[in-house]
Amino acid sequence: MIPSNRRPRPRVLSLAASACALLVAALAAAAASPQATVYPPWSGGKNDPVRHRGLEFTVPEVDNLPDFHGDPMTARLVLFVGGNYFFAMAPLVAEFERQHPELAGKIYYETIPPGLLVEQIKQGGTITVGNMTWTVQADVYAAGLRAVNALIDAGIAAGPAAPYATNTLTIMVPKGNPAGIGGLRDLGKSGIRLVMPNPAYEGVGRQIKESLAKAGGEELVKAVYESKVQNGETVMTRIHHRQSPLFLMLGRADAGITWQSEAIFQESIGNPISHVAIPDEQNATAIYAAAVLKAAPHRQAGQQWVDFLQSPAALAIFERYGFKPYAHRP
């Protein structure tokens, strides 16, 4: 029994309830504001393949793990996927689960840059994000063909690599292209702020340098990746498929080179992003491939996923975002 002189007063309770209601309304308004919606994850929960999610606790910009999907503790298929098609994974997983219902809700996948995935594999599958550390053994590694072949040559993945799709580069810009970017040469101009993948972490950096060289020679490559880095006009990313569109939407950059599919995805979900096409003679093409790891805990399921990536159903999903089926050239 609470003594009468210590019982909460009705007015105090009313004020507390009003304060809580105002706080909830403020948080809801913030979440619905244009500023809040630019922060990842951009999938609206669709990229979480588990069936039971428990407590829903995602706070964009504060508590957010947009490139880790599913439950690693109960997974019967673990996929390490280069992050530049994270947006295609939800429909790919849904179609794969339709074909393999025994694995429904049992798939875990990561979509950080390919080089970081390799480092995680070499660390025994252990990764730390913020204050959380966990370990998960990958069954499949999917990235650029060169990266997959390197893992095969290192004795970590079983060959041969299975190529399945291709992609090309584009210049991602804020909607309306306020800086008036017309092509690759414009990226070397003074005053144009860039957000660019760091070749030290992201394989796309190599193709970007090749594309810049085709458009403006080594002078343009050095302007973008050396001079403008030194004077602060180029910001280097560690995870461009998240940072590049975010920095453009926040007004921190005027342009950045990404894969075409990434720009198409951002436009498709209504984010204020557009892109400037790069001519074929200046562009670069990526070949995506996959392989089962030799230490895969779920080798059969892993091989089923690799086979699925080359199927018409999977390729049709990739084509929605501007990918093209891989066509072998002797």
C-alpha atoms as a PDB file:
ATOM      1  CA  MET A   1       0.000   0.000   0.000  1.00  0.00           C
ATOM      2  CA  ILE A   2       1.416   3.372  -1.038  1.00  0.00           C
ATOM      3  CA  PRO A   3       1.019   6.017   1.683  1.00  0.00           C
ATOM      4  CA  SER A   4      -1.477   8.664   0.626  1.00  0.00           C
ATOM      5  CA  ASN A   5       1.130  11.409   0.898  1.00  0.00           C
ATOM      6  CA  ARG A   6       3.370   9.561  -1.612  1.00  0.00           C
ATOM      7  CA  ARG A   7       0.769   8.607  -4.212  1.00  0.00           C
ATOM      8  CA  PRO A   8       1.229  10.236  -7.675  1.00  0.00           C
ATOM      9  CA  ARG A   9      -1.139  13.154  -8.041  1.00  0.00           C
ATOM     10  CA  PRO A  10      -3.598  13.080 -10.964  1.00  0.00           C
ATOM     11  CA  ARG A  11      -2.263  16.388 -12.322  1.00  0.00           C
ATOM     12  CA  VAL A  12       1.313  15.073 -12.280  1.00  0.00           C
ATOM     13  CA  LEU A  13       0.217  11.925 -14.087  1.00  0.00           C
ATOM     14  CA  SER A  14      -1.662  14.005 -16.631  1.00  0.00           C
ATOM     15  CA  LEU A  15       1.361  16.205 -17.273  1.00  0.00           C
ATOM     16  CA  ALA A  16       3.590  13.151 -17.628  1.00  0.00           C
ATOM     17  CA  ALA A  17       1.203  11.550 -20.082  1.00  0.00           C
ATOM     18  CA  SER A  18       1.022  14.760 -22.109  1.00  0.00           C
ATOM     19  CA  ALA A  19       4.797  15.012 -22.187  1.00  0.00           C
ATOM     20  CA  CYS A  20       5.078  11.409 -23.392  1.00  0.00           C
ATOM     21  CA  ALA A  21       2.483  12.057 -26.083  1.00  0.00           C
ATOM     22  CA  LEU A  22       4.342  15.145 -27.265  1.00  0.00           C
ATOM     23  CA  LEU A  23       7.640  13.217 -27.353  1.00  0.00           C
ATOM     24  CA  VAL A  24       6.107  10.404 -29.403  1.00  0.00           C
ATOM     25  CA  ALA A  25       4.561  12.931 -31.784  1.00  0.00           C
ATOM     26  CA  ALA A  26       7.869  14.760 -32.144  1.00  0.00           C
ATOM     27  CA  LEU A  27       9.723  11.536 -32.880  1.00  0.00           C
ATOM     28  CA  ALA A  28       7.100  10.511 -35.423  1.00  0.00           C
ATOM     29  CA  ALA A  29       7.308  13.895 -37.113  1.00  0.00           C
ATOM     30  CA  ALA A  30      11.082  13.697 -37.224  1.00  0.00           C
ATOM     31  CA  ALA A  31      10.933  10.219 -38.705  1.00  0.00           C
ATOM     32  CA  ALA A  32       8.517  11.428 -41.371  1.00  0.00           C
ATOM     33  CA  SER A  33      10.502  14.533 -42.270  1.00  0.00           C
ATOM     34  CA  PRO A  34      12.458  14.641 -45.545  1.00  0.00           C
ATOM     35  CA  GLN A  35      15.700  14.983 -43.567  1.00  0.00           C
ATOM     36  CA  ALA A  36      15.002  11.774 -41.636  1.00  0.00           C
ATOM     37  CA  THR A  37      14.074   9.688 -44.671  1.00  0.00           C
ATOM     38  CA  VAL A  38      17.423  10.195 -46.398  1.00  0.00           C
ATOM     39  CA  TYR A  39      19.183   8.034 -43.835  1.00  0.00           C
ATOM     40  CA  PRO A  40      19.557   4.285 -44.441  1.00  0.00           C
ATOM     41  CA  PRO A  41      18.236   1.676 -44.280  1.00  0.00           C
ATOM     42  CA  TRP A  42      16.161   2.524 -47.350  1.00  0.00           C
ATOM     43  CA  SER A  43      14.452  -0.860 -47.597  1.00  0.00           C
ATOM     44  CA  GLY A  44      11.607  -0.327 -45.134  1.00  0.00           C
ATOM     45  CA  GLY A  45      12.369  -3.649 -43.456  1.00  0.00           C
ATOM     46  CA  LYS A  46      12.087  -5.640 -46.687  1.00  0.00           C
ATOM     47  CA  ASN A  47      15.752  -6.659 -46.520  1.00  0.00           C
ATOM     48  CA  ASP A  48      15.264  -8.548 -43.259  1.00  0.00           C
ATOM     49  CA  PRO A  49      14.565 -12.164 -44.266  1.00  0.00           C
ATOM     50  CA  VAL A  50      13.665 -13.497 -40.793  1.00  0.00           C
ATOM     51  CA  ARG A  51      10.122 -14.451 -39.832  1.00  0.00           C
ATOM     52  CA  HIS A  52      10.134 -13.311 -36.184  1.00  0.00           C
ATOM     53  CA  ARG A  53      11.779  -9.938 -35.608  1.00  0.00           C
ATOM     54  CA  GLY A  54      11.073  -9.470 -31.909  1.00  0.00           C
ATOM     55  CA  LEU A  55      11.535  -5.916 -30.662  1.00  0.00           C
ATOM     56  CA  GLU A  56      11.687  -3.447 -33.551  1.00  0.00           C
ATOM     57  CA  PHE A  57      14.395  -0.905 -32.694  1.00  0.00           C
ATOM     58  CA  THR A  58      15.934   1.034 -35.563  1.00  0.00           C
ATOM     59  CA  VAL A  59      16.817   4.698 -35.196  1.00  0.00           C
ATOM     60  CA  PRO A  60      18.207   6.103 -38.465  1.00  0.00           C
ATOM     61  CA  GLU A  61      21.430   8.068 -37.944  1.00  0.00           C
ATOM     62  CA  VAL A  62      21.778   6.651 -34.403  1.00  0.00           C
ATOM     63  CA  ASP A  63      21.202   2.880 -34.070  1.00  0.00           C
ATOM     64  CA  ASN A  64      21.251   1.333 -37.497  1.00  0.00           C
ATOM     65  CA  LEU A  65      22.868  -1.721 -39.109  1.00  0.00           C
ATOM     66  CA  PRO A  66      21.643  -1.426 -42.719  1.00  0.00           C
ATOM     67  CA  ASP A  67      24.115  -3.887 -44.269  1.00  0.00           C
ATOM     68  CA  PHE A  68      23.485  -6.864 -41.970  1.00  0.00           C
ATOM     69  CA  HIS A  69      20.324  -8.816 -42.697  1.00  0.00           C
ATOM     70  CA  GLY A  70      18.613 -11.663 -40.892  1.00  0.00           C
ATOM     71  CA  ASP A  71      19.510 -13.823 -37.899  1.00  0.00           C
ATOM     72  CA  PRO A  72      23.073 -15.223 -37.889  1.00  0.00           C
ATOM     73  CA  MET A  73      22.250 -17.535 -34.977  1.00  0.00           C
ATOM     74  CA  THR A  74      19.652 -19.615 -36.832  1.00  0.00           C
ATOM     75  CA  ALA A  75      20.855 -19.226 -40.432  1.00  0.00           C
ATOM     76  CA  ARG A  76      21.061 -22.240 -42.736  1.00  0.00           C
ATOM     77  CA  LEU A  77      22.516 -20.161 -45.561  1.00  0.00           C
ATOM     78  CA  VAL A  78      25.005 -17.301 -45.065  1.00  0.00           C
ATOM     79  CA  LEU A  79      25.776 -14.975 -47.971  1.00  0.00           C
ATOM     80  CA  PHE A  80      28.588 -12.419 -48.126  1.00  0.00           C
ATOM     81  CA  VAL A  81      27.542 -10.114 -50.966  1.00  0.00           C
ATOM     82  CA  GLY A  82      29.368  -7.056 -52.298  1.00  0.00           C
ATOM     83  CA  GLY A  83      27.121  -4.200 -51.196  1.00  0.00           C
ATOM     84  CA  ASN A  84      26.429  -2.473 -54.475  1.00  0.00           C
ATOM     85  CA  TYR A  85      23.302  -4.540 -55.091  1.00  0.00           C
ATOM     86  CA  PHE A  86      21.964  -4.621 -51.535  1.00  0.00           C
ATOM     87  CA  PHE A  87      18.628  -3.352 -52.896  1.00  0.00           C
ATOM     88  CA  ALA A  88      18.216  -6.392 -55.159  1.00  0.00           C
ATOM     89  CA  MET A  89      18.719  -8.861 -52.326  1.00  0.00           C
ATOM     90  CA  ALA A  90      15.195  -8.644 -50.904  1.00  0.00           C
ATOM     91  CA  PRO A  91      13.462  -9.768 -54.133  1.00  0.00           C
ATOM     92  CA  LEU A  92      16.266 -12.264 -54.839  1.00  0.00           C
ATOM     93  CA  VAL A  93      15.893 -13.870 -51.409  1.00  0.00           C
ATOM     94  CA  ALA A  94      12.101 -13.893 -51.714  1.00  0.00           C
ATOM     95  CA  GLU A  95      12.278 -15.719 -55.045  1.00  0.00           C
ATOM     96  CA  PHE A  96      14.920 -18.145 -53.766  1.00  0.00           C
ATOM     97  CA  GLU A  97      12.795 -18.923 -50.709  1.00  0.00           C
ATOM     98  CA  ARG A  98       9.821 -19.563 -52.979  1.00  0.00           C
ATOM     99  CA  GLN A  99      11.916 -22.159 -54.802  1.00  0.00           C
ATOM    100  CA  HIS A 100      13.456 -23.516 -51.567  1.00  0.00           C
ATOM    101  CA  PRO A 101      10.789 -23.143 -48.864  1.00  0.00           C
ATOM    102  CA  GLU A 102      12.845 -25.238 -46.436  1.00  0.00           C
ATOM    103  CA  LEU A 103      15.233 -22.243 -46.168  1.00  0.00           C
ATOM    104  CA  ALA A 104      12.548 -19.586 -45.724  1.00  0.00           C
ATOM    105  CA  GLY A 105      13.440 -17.322 -42.818  1.00  0.00           C
ATOM    106  CA  LYS A 106      16.831 -19.052 -42.439  1.00  0.00           C
ATOM    107  CA  ILE A 107      19.006 -16.838 -44.644  1.00  0.00           C
ATOM    108  CA  TYR A 108      21.522 -14.317 -43.294  1.00  0.00           C
ATOM    109  CA  TYR A 109      23.470 -11.965 -45.538  1.00  0.00           C
ATOM    110  CA  GLU A 110      25.890  -9.058 -45.345  1.00  0.00           C
ATOM    111  CA  THR A 111      26.295  -6.321 -47.950  1.00  0.00           C
ATOM    112  CA  ILE A 112      29.445  -4.416 -47.008  1.00  0.00           C
ATOM    113  CA  PRO A 113      32.196  -3.770 -49.627  1.00  0.00           C
ATOM    114  CA  PRO A 114      33.828  -6.901 -51.094  1.00  0.00           C
ATOM    115  CA  GLY A 115      37.294  -6.159 -49.701  1.00  0.00           C
ATOM    116  CA  LEU A 116      35.910  -5.842 -46.178  1.00  0.00           C
ATOM    117  CA  LEU A 117      34.003  -9.114 -46.580  1.00  0.00           C
ATOM    118  CA  VAL A 118      37.263 -10.843 -47.513  1.00  0.00           C
ATOM    119  CA  GLU A 119      38.901  -9.398 -44.398  1.00  0.00           C
ATOM    120  CA  GLN A 120      36.007 -10.684 -42.283  1.00  0.00           C
ATOM    121  CA  ILE A 121      36.410 -14.146 -43.818  1.00  0.00           C
ATOM    122  CA  LYS A 122      40.131 -14.085 -42.997  1.00  0.00           C
ATOM    123  CA  GLN A 123      39.241 -13.068 -39.429  1.00  0.00           C
ATOM    124  CA  GLY A 124      37.252 -16.285 -39.027  1.00  0.00           C
ATOM    125  CA  GLY A 125      33.935 -14.585 -39.783  1.00  0.00           C
ATOM    126  CA  THR A 126      34.183 -12.218 -36.810  1.00  0.00           C
ATOM    127  CA  ILE A 127      33.161  -8.595 -37.225  1.00  0.00           C
ATOM    128  CA  THR A 128      32.647  -5.650 -34.884  1.00  0.00           C
ATOM    129  CA  VAL A 129      30.226  -2.808 -35.603  1.00  0.00           C
ATOM    130  CA  GLY A 130      30.052  -0.165 -32.903  1.00  0.00           C
ATOM    131  CA  ASN A 131      29.824  -2.011 -29.589  1.00  0.00           C
ATOM    132  CA  MET A 132      28.638  -5.317 -31.052  1.00  0.00           C
ATOM    133  CA  THR A 133      30.865  -8.224 -32.092  1.00  0.00           C
ATOM    134  CA  TRP A 134      29.616 -11.428 -33.680  1.00  0.00           C
ATOM    135  CA  THR A 135      30.931 -14.347 -35.713  1.00  0.00           C
ATOM    136  CA  VAL A 136      29.269 -15.966 -38.706  1.00  0.00           C
ATOM    137  CA  GLN A 137      30.817 -18.333 -41.258  1.00  0.00           C
ATOM    138  CA  ALA A 138      29.985 -17.483 -44.863  1.00  0.00           C
ATOM    139  CA  ASP A 139      28.771 -20.102 -47.334  1.00  0.00           C
ATOM    140  CA  VAL A 140      28.964 -17.937 -50.460  1.00  0.00           C
ATOM    141  CA  TYR A 141      31.097 -14.979 -51.505  1.00  0.00           C
ATOM    142  CA  ALA A 142      29.616 -12.820 -54.292  1.00  0.00           C
ATOM    143  CA  ALA A 143      31.500  -9.852 -55.731  1.00  0.00           C
ATOM    144  CA  GLY A 144      33.354  -8.786 -58.865  1.00  0.00           C
ATOM    145  CA  LEU A 145      34.791 -11.628 -60.940  1.00  0.00           C
ATOM    146  CA  ARG A 146      38.359 -10.527 -60.205  1.00  0.00           C
ATOM    147  CA  ALA A 147      37.747 -10.536 -56.440  1.00  0.00           C
ATOM    148  CA  VAL A 148      36.062 -13.959 -56.532  1.00  0.00           C
ATOM    149  CA  ASN A 149      38.908 -15.435 -58.590  1.00  0.00           C
ATOM    150  CA  ALA A 150      41.408 -13.994 -56.103  1.00  0.00           C
ATOM    151  CA  LEU A 151      39.624 -15.840 -53.289  1.00  0.00           C
ATOM    152  CA  ILE A 152      39.696 -19.033 -55.336  1.00  0.00           C
ATOM    153  CA  ASP A 153      43.419 -18.586 -56.042  1.00  0.00           C
ATOM    154  CA  ALA A 154      43.990 -18.081 -52.312  1.00  0.00           C
ATOM    155  CA  GLY A 155      42.418 -21.476 -51.625  1.00  0.00           C
ATOM    156  CA  ILE A 156      39.509 -19.975 -49.677  1.00  0.00           C
ATOM    157  CA  ALA A 157      36.740 -20.457 -52.252  1.00  0.00           C
ATOM    158  CA  ALA A 158      36.032 -23.423 -54.501  1.00  0.00           C
ATOM    159  CA  GLY A 159      36.286 -22.769 -58.237  1.00  0.00           C
ATOM    160  CA  PRO A 160      35.325 -22.114 -60.851  1.00  0.00           C
ATOM    161  CA  ALA A 161      33.676 -18.743 -60.267  1.00  0.00           C
ATOM    162  CA  ALA A 162      30.117 -18.439 -61.551  1.00  0.00           C
ATOM    163  CA  PRO A 163      29.568 -15.105 -63.376  1.00  0.00           C
ATOM    164  CA  TYR A 164      25.969 -13.971 -63.728  1.00  0.00           C
ATOM    165  CA  ALA A 165      25.493 -10.219 -64.343  1.00  0.00           C
ATOM    166  CA  THR A 166      27.224  -7.025 -65.481  1.00  0.00           C
ATOM    167  CA  ASN A 167      26.943  -3.370 -64.511  1.00  0.00           C
ATOM    168  CA  THR A 168      28.262  -0.010 -65.724  1.00  0.00           C
ATOM    169  CA  LEU A 169      29.194   3.283 -64.069  1.00  0.00           C
ATOM    170  CA  THR A 170      27.252   6.526 -63.860  1.00  0.00           C
ATOM    171  CA  ILE A 171      27.629   9.940 -62.236  1.00  0.00           C
ATOM    172  CA  MET A 172      25.215  10.215 -59.320  1.00  0.00           C
ATOM    173  CA  VAL A 173      24.013  13.765 -58.572  1.00  0.00           C
ATOM    174  CA  PRO A 174      21.338  15.412 -56.429  1.00  0.00           C
ATOM    175  CA  LYS A 175      17.953  15.722 -58.095  1.00  0.00           C
ATOM    176  CA  GLY A 176      17.979  18.590 -60.570  1.00  0.00           C
ATOM    177  CA  ASN A 177      21.781  18.394 -60.914  1.00  0.00           C
ATOM    178  CA  PRO A 178      22.308  21.836 -59.298  1.00  0.00           C
ATOM    179  CA  ALA A 179      26.053  21.892 -60.090  1.00  0.00           C
ATOM    180  CA  GLY A 180      25.323  21.322 -63.792  1.00  0.00           C
ATOM    181  CA  ILE A 181      27.506  18.229 -64.145  1.00  0.00           C
ATOM    182  CA  GLY A 182      27.618  17.224 -67.817  1.00  0.00           C
ATOM    183  CA  GLY A 183      30.271  14.516 -67.841  1.00  0.00           C
ATOM    184  CA  LEU A 184      33.375  13.091 -66.257  1.00  0.00           C
ATOM    185  CA  ARG A 185      35.602  16.033 -67.164  1.00  0.00           C
ATOM    186  CA  ASP A 186      33.448  18.327 -65.028  1.00  0.00           C
ATOM    187  CA  LEU A 187      34.465  16.375 -61.937  1.00  0.00           C
ATOM    188  CA  GLY A 188      37.964  17.799 -62.168  1.00  0.00           C
ATOM    189  CA  LYS A 189      36.773  21.421 -62.072  1.00  0.00           C
ATOM    190  CA  SER A 190      37.625  23.583 -59.086  1.00  0.00           C
ATOM    191  CA  GLY A 191      34.730  24.023 -56.684  1.00  0.00           C
ATOM    192  CA  ILE A 192      32.932  20.805 -57.627  1.00  0.00           C
ATOM    193  CA  ARG A 193      32.617  18.763 -54.426  1.00  0.00           C
ATOM    194  CA  LEU A 194      32.874  15.003 -54.905  1.00  0.00           C
ATOM    195  CA  VAL A 195      32.109  11.885 -52.889  1.00  0.00           C
ATOM    196  CA  MET A 196      34.203   9.016 -54.272  1.00  0.00           C
ATOM    197  CA  PRO A 197      34.827   5.351 -53.381  1.00  0.00           C
ATOM    198  CA  ASN A 198      38.202   4.747 -51.763  1.00  0.00           C
ATOM    199  CA  PRO A 199      40.128   2.206 -53.882  1.00  0.00           C
ATOM    200  CA  ALA A 200      41.759   0.937 -50.687  1.00  0.00           C
ATOM    201  CA  TYR A 201      38.428  -0.524 -49.542  1.00  0.00           C
ATOM    202  CA  GLU A 202      36.158  -0.680 -52.585  1.00  0.00           C
ATOM    203  CA  GLY A 203      36.879  -2.506 -55.822  1.00  0.00           C
ATOM    204  CA  VAL A 204      34.847  -0.026 -57.863  1.00  0.00           C
ATOM    205  CA  GLY A 205      37.655   2.487 -57.326  1.00  0.00           C
ATOM    206  CA  ARG A 206      39.765   0.662 -59.917  1.00  0.00           C
ATOM    207  CA  GLN A 207      37.059   0.866 -62.591  1.00  0.00           C
ATOM    208  CA  ILE A 208      36.401   4.517 -61.743  1.00  0.00           C
ATOM    209  CA  LYS A 209      40.057   5.411 -62.274  1.00  0.00           C
ATOM    210  CA  GLU A 210      40.001   3.583 -65.605  1.00  0.00           C
ATOM    211  CA  SER A 211      36.900   5.516 -66.652  1.00  0.00           C
ATOM    212  CA  LEU A 212      38.369   8.871 -65.573  1.00  0.00           C
ATOM    213  CA  ALA A 213      41.552   8.101 -67.535  1.00  0.00           C
ATOM    214  CA  LYS A 214      39.507   7.399 -70.677  1.00  0.00           C
ATOM    215  CA  ALA A 215      37.778  10.769 -70.338  1.00  0.00           C
ATOM    216  CA  GLY A 216      40.653  13.004 -69.304  1.00  0.00           C
ATOM    217  CA  GLY A 217      43.856  11.018 -68.963  1.00  0.00           C
ATOM    218  CA  GLU A 218      45.949  10.726 -65.831  1.00  0.00           C
ATOM    219  CA  GLU A 219      45.515  14.455 -65.262  1.00  0.00           C
ATOM    220  CA  LEU A 220      41.813  13.923 -64.488  1.00  0.00           C
ATOM    221  CA  VAL A 221      42.536  10.881 -62.304  1.00  0.00           C
ATOM    222  CA  LYS A 222      45.031  12.891 -60.249  1.00  0.00           C
ATOM    223  CA  ALA A 223      42.682  15.867 -60.010  1.00  0.00           C
ATOM    224  CA  VAL A 224      39.855  13.725 -58.594  1.00  0.00           C
ATOM    225  CA  TYR A 225      41.840  11.301 -56.440  1.00  0.00           C
ATOM    226  CA  GLU A 226      44.814  13.417 -55.363  1.00  0.00           C
ATOM    227  CA  SER A 227      44.499  17.206 -55.718  1.00  0.00           C
ATOM    228  CA  LYS A 228      40.848  17.413 -54.684  1.00  0.00           C
ATOM    229  CA  VAL A 229      41.400  14.959 -51.826  1.00  0.00           C
ATOM    230  CA  GLN A 230      44.171  17.187 -50.515  1.00  0.00           C
ATOM    231  CA  ASN A 231      42.122  20.390 -50.729  1.00  0.00           C
ATOM    232  CA  GLY A 232      39.003  18.756 -49.300  1.00  0.00           C
ATOM    233  CA  GLU A 233      36.844  18.836 -52.439  1.00  0.00           C
ATOM    234  CA  THR A 234      36.832  15.025 -52.695  1.00  0.00           C
ATOM    235  CA  VAL A 235      35.517  13.038 -49.742  1.00  0.00           C
ATOM    236  CA  MET A 236      36.575   9.373 -49.797  1.00  0.00           C
ATOM    237  CA  THR A 237      34.083   6.713 -48.711  1.00  0.00           C
ATOM    238  CA  ARG A 238      34.476   3.316 -47.094  1.00  0.00           C
ATOM    239  CA  ILE A 239      31.020   2.148 -48.121  1.00  0.00           C
ATOM    240  CA  HIS A 240      29.967   4.155 -51.158  1.00  0.00           C
ATOM    241  CA  HIS A 241      26.587   2.508 -51.740  1.00  0.00           C
ATOM    242  CA  ARG A 242      25.451   4.124 -48.482  1.00  0.00           C
ATOM    243  CA  GLN A 243      27.672   7.202 -48.169  1.00  0.00           C
ATOM    244  CA  SER A 244      27.522   8.532 -51.738  1.00  0.00           C
ATOM    245  CA  PRO A 245      23.732   8.989 -52.001  1.00  0.00           C
ATOM    246  CA  LEU A 246      23.515  10.122 -48.386  1.00  0.00           C
ATOM    247  CA  PHE A 247      26.173  12.840 -48.789  1.00  0.00           C
ATOM    248  CA  LEU A 248      24.521  14.040 -52.004  1.00  0.00           C
ATOM    249  CA  MET A 249      21.111  14.259 -50.339  1.00  0.00           C
ATOM    250  CA  LEU A 250      22.570  16.080 -47.338  1.00  0.00           C
ATOM    251  CA  GLY A 251      24.226  18.662 -49.608  1.00  0.00           C
ATOM    252  CA  ARG A 252      27.783  17.679 -48.698  1.00  0.00           C
ATOM    253  CA  ALA A 253      28.756  16.864 -52.294  1.00  0.00           C
ATOM    254  CA  ASP A 254      27.759  17.797 -55.837  1.00  0.00           C
ATOM    255  CA  ALA A 255      28.492  14.491 -57.577  1.00  0.00           C
ATOM    256  CA  GLY A 256      29.991  11.034 -57.219  1.00  0.00           C
ATOM    257  CA  ILE A 257      30.655   8.084 -59.486  1.00  0.00           C
ATOM    258  CA  THR A 258      28.697   4.940 -58.604  1.00  0.00           C
ATOM    259  CA  TRP A 259      27.281   1.922 -60.363  1.00  0.00           C
ATOM    260  CA  GLN A 260      24.305   2.760 -62.553  1.00  0.00           C
ATOM    261  CA  SER A 261      22.090   0.332 -60.645  1.00  0.00           C
ATOM    262  CA  GLU A 262      22.600   2.268 -57.411  1.00  0.00           C
ATOM    263  CA  ALA A 263      21.307   5.489 -58.955  1.00  0.00           C
ATOM    264  CA  ILE A 264      18.351   3.671 -60.519  1.00  0.00           C
ATOM    265  CA  PHE A 265      17.430   2.241 -57.125  1.00  0.00           C
ATOM    266  CA  GLN A 266      17.603   5.620 -55.352  1.00  0.00           C
ATOM    267  CA  GLU A 267      15.415   7.178 -58.018  1.00  0.00           C
ATOM    268  CA  SER A 268      12.952   4.281 -57.855  1.00  0.00           C
ATOM    269  CA  ILE A 269      12.271   4.751 -54.136  1.00  0.00           C
ATOM    270  CA  GLY A 270      11.727   8.499 -54.545  1.00  0.00           C
ATOM    271  CA  ASN A 271      14.940   9.787 -52.995  1.00  0.00           C
ATOM    272  CA  PRO A 272      16.092  13.152 -54.451  1.00  0.00           C
ATOM    273  CA  ILE A 273      18.802  11.577 -56.593  1.00  0.00           C
ATOM    274  CA  SER A 274      19.462  11.623 -60.332  1.00  0.00           C
ATOM    275  CA  HIS A 275      22.327  10.560 -62.579  1.00  0.00           C
ATOM    276  CA  VAL A 276      24.334  11.647 -65.594  1.00  0.00           C
ATOM    277  CA  ALA A 277      25.121   8.905 -68.109  1.00  0.00           C
ATOM    278  CA  ILE A 278      28.726   8.111 -68.987  1.00  0.00           C
ATOM    279  CA  PRO A 279      29.313   7.354 -72.705  1.00  0.00           C
ATOM    280  CA  ASP A 280      30.218   3.758 -73.550  1.00  0.00           C
ATOM    281  CA  GLU A 281      33.672   4.742 -74.773  1.00  0.00           C
ATOM    282  CA  GLN A 282      34.467   6.248 -71.351  1.00  0.00           C
ATOM    283  CA  ASN A 283      32.646   3.699 -69.205  1.00  0.00           C
ATOM    284  CA  ALA A 284      33.779   0.545 -67.417  1.00  0.00           C
ATOM    285  CA  THR A 285      31.942  -2.740 -66.995  1.00  0.00           C
ATOM    286  CA  ALA A 286      31.847  -4.911 -63.894  1.00  0.00           C
ATOM    287  CA  ILE A 287      31.261  -8.664 -64.051  1.00  0.00           C
ATOM    288  CA  TYR A 288      29.557 -10.092 -60.972  1.00  0.00           C
ATOM    289  CA  ALA A 289      30.369 -13.634 -59.897  1.00  0.00           C
ATOM    290  CA  ALA A 290      29.974 -15.971 -56.926  1.00  0.00           C
ATOM    291  CA  ALA A 291      31.599 -19.041 -55.427  1.00  0.00           C
ATOM    292  CA  VAL A 292      31.016 -21.377 -52.489  1.00  0.00           C
ATOM    293  CA  LEU A 293      33.654 -21.146 -49.765  1.00  0.00           C
ATOM    294  CA  LYS A 294      35.627 -24.293 -48.992  1.00  0.00           C
ATOM    295  CA  ALA A 295      34.822 -23.959 -45.274  1.00  0.00           C
ATOM    296  CA  ALA A 296      31.110 -23.341 -45.900  1.00  0.00           C
ATOM    297  CA  PRO A 297      28.949 -24.834 -43.128  1.00  0.00           C
ATOM    298  CA  HIS A 298      26.048 -25.204 -45.587  1.00  0.00           C
ATOM    299  CA  ARG A 299      27.681 -26.207 -48.864  1.00  0.00           C
ATOM    300  CA  GLN A 300      24.570 -27.622 -50.536  1.00  0.00           C
ATOM    301  CA  ALA A 301      22.477 -24.529 -49.816  1.00  0.00           C
ATOM    302  CA  GLY A 302      25.395 -22.360 -50.897  1.00  0.00           C
ATOM    303  CA  GLN A 303      25.637 -24.119 -54.252  1.00  0.00           C
ATOM    304  CA  GLN A 304      21.885 -23.782 -54.697  1.00  0.00           C
ATOM    305  CA  TRP A 305      22.236 -20.012 -54.267  1.00  0.00           C
ATOM    306  CA  VAL A 306      25.103 -19.802 -56.762  1.00  0.00           C
ATOM    307  CA  ASP A 307      23.081 -21.782 -59.312  1.00  0.00           C
ATOM    308  CA  PHE A 308      20.070 -19.564 -58.638  1.00  0.00           C
ATOM    309  CA  LEU A 309      22.043 -16.384 -59.441  1.00  0.00           C
ATOM    310  CA  GLN A 310      22.484 -17.626 -63.020  1.00  0.00           C
ATOM    311  CA  SER A 311      18.815 -18.539 -63.454  1.00  0.00           C
ATOM    312  CA  PRO A 312      16.305 -16.570 -65.573  1.00  0.00           C
ATOM    313  CA  ALA A 313      14.293 -15.701 -62.455  1.00  0.00           C
ATOM    314  CA  ALA A 314      17.286 -14.083 -60.737  1.00  0.00           C
ATOM    315  CA  LEU A 315      18.497 -12.312 -63.866  1.00  0.00           C
ATOM    316  CA  ALA A 316      15.047 -10.809 -64.391  1.00  0.00           C
ATOM    317  CA  ILE A 317      15.288  -9.268 -60.914  1.00  0.00           C
ATOM    318  CA  PHE A 318      18.747  -7.849 -61.651  1.00  0.00           C
ATOM    319  CA  GLU A 319      17.482  -6.329 -64.895  1.00  0.00           C
ATOM    320  CA  ARG A 320      14.953  -4.233 -62.955  1.00  0.00           C
ATOM    321  CA  TYR A 321      17.892  -2.191 -61.647  1.00  0.00           C
ATOM    322  CA  GLY A 322      19.830  -1.844 -64.885  1.00  0.00           C
ATOM    323  CA  PHE A 323      22.049  -4.923 -64.654  1.00  0.00           C
ATOM    324  CA  LYS A 324      22.556  -7.040 -67.751  1.00  0.00           C
ATOM    325  CA  PRO A 325      22.975 -10.829 -67.919  1.00  0.00           C
ATOM    326  CA  TYR A 326      26.570 -11.932 -68.266  1.00  0.00           C
ATOM    327  CA  ALA A 327      27.366 -13.102 -71.784  1.00  0.00           C
ATOM    328  CA  HIS A 328      30.568 -15.129 -72.036  1.00  0.00           C
ATOM    329  CA  ARG A 329      33.026 -13.803 -74.570  1.00  0.00           C
ATOM    330  CA  PRO A 330      35.857 -16.163 -75.647  1.00  0.00           C
END
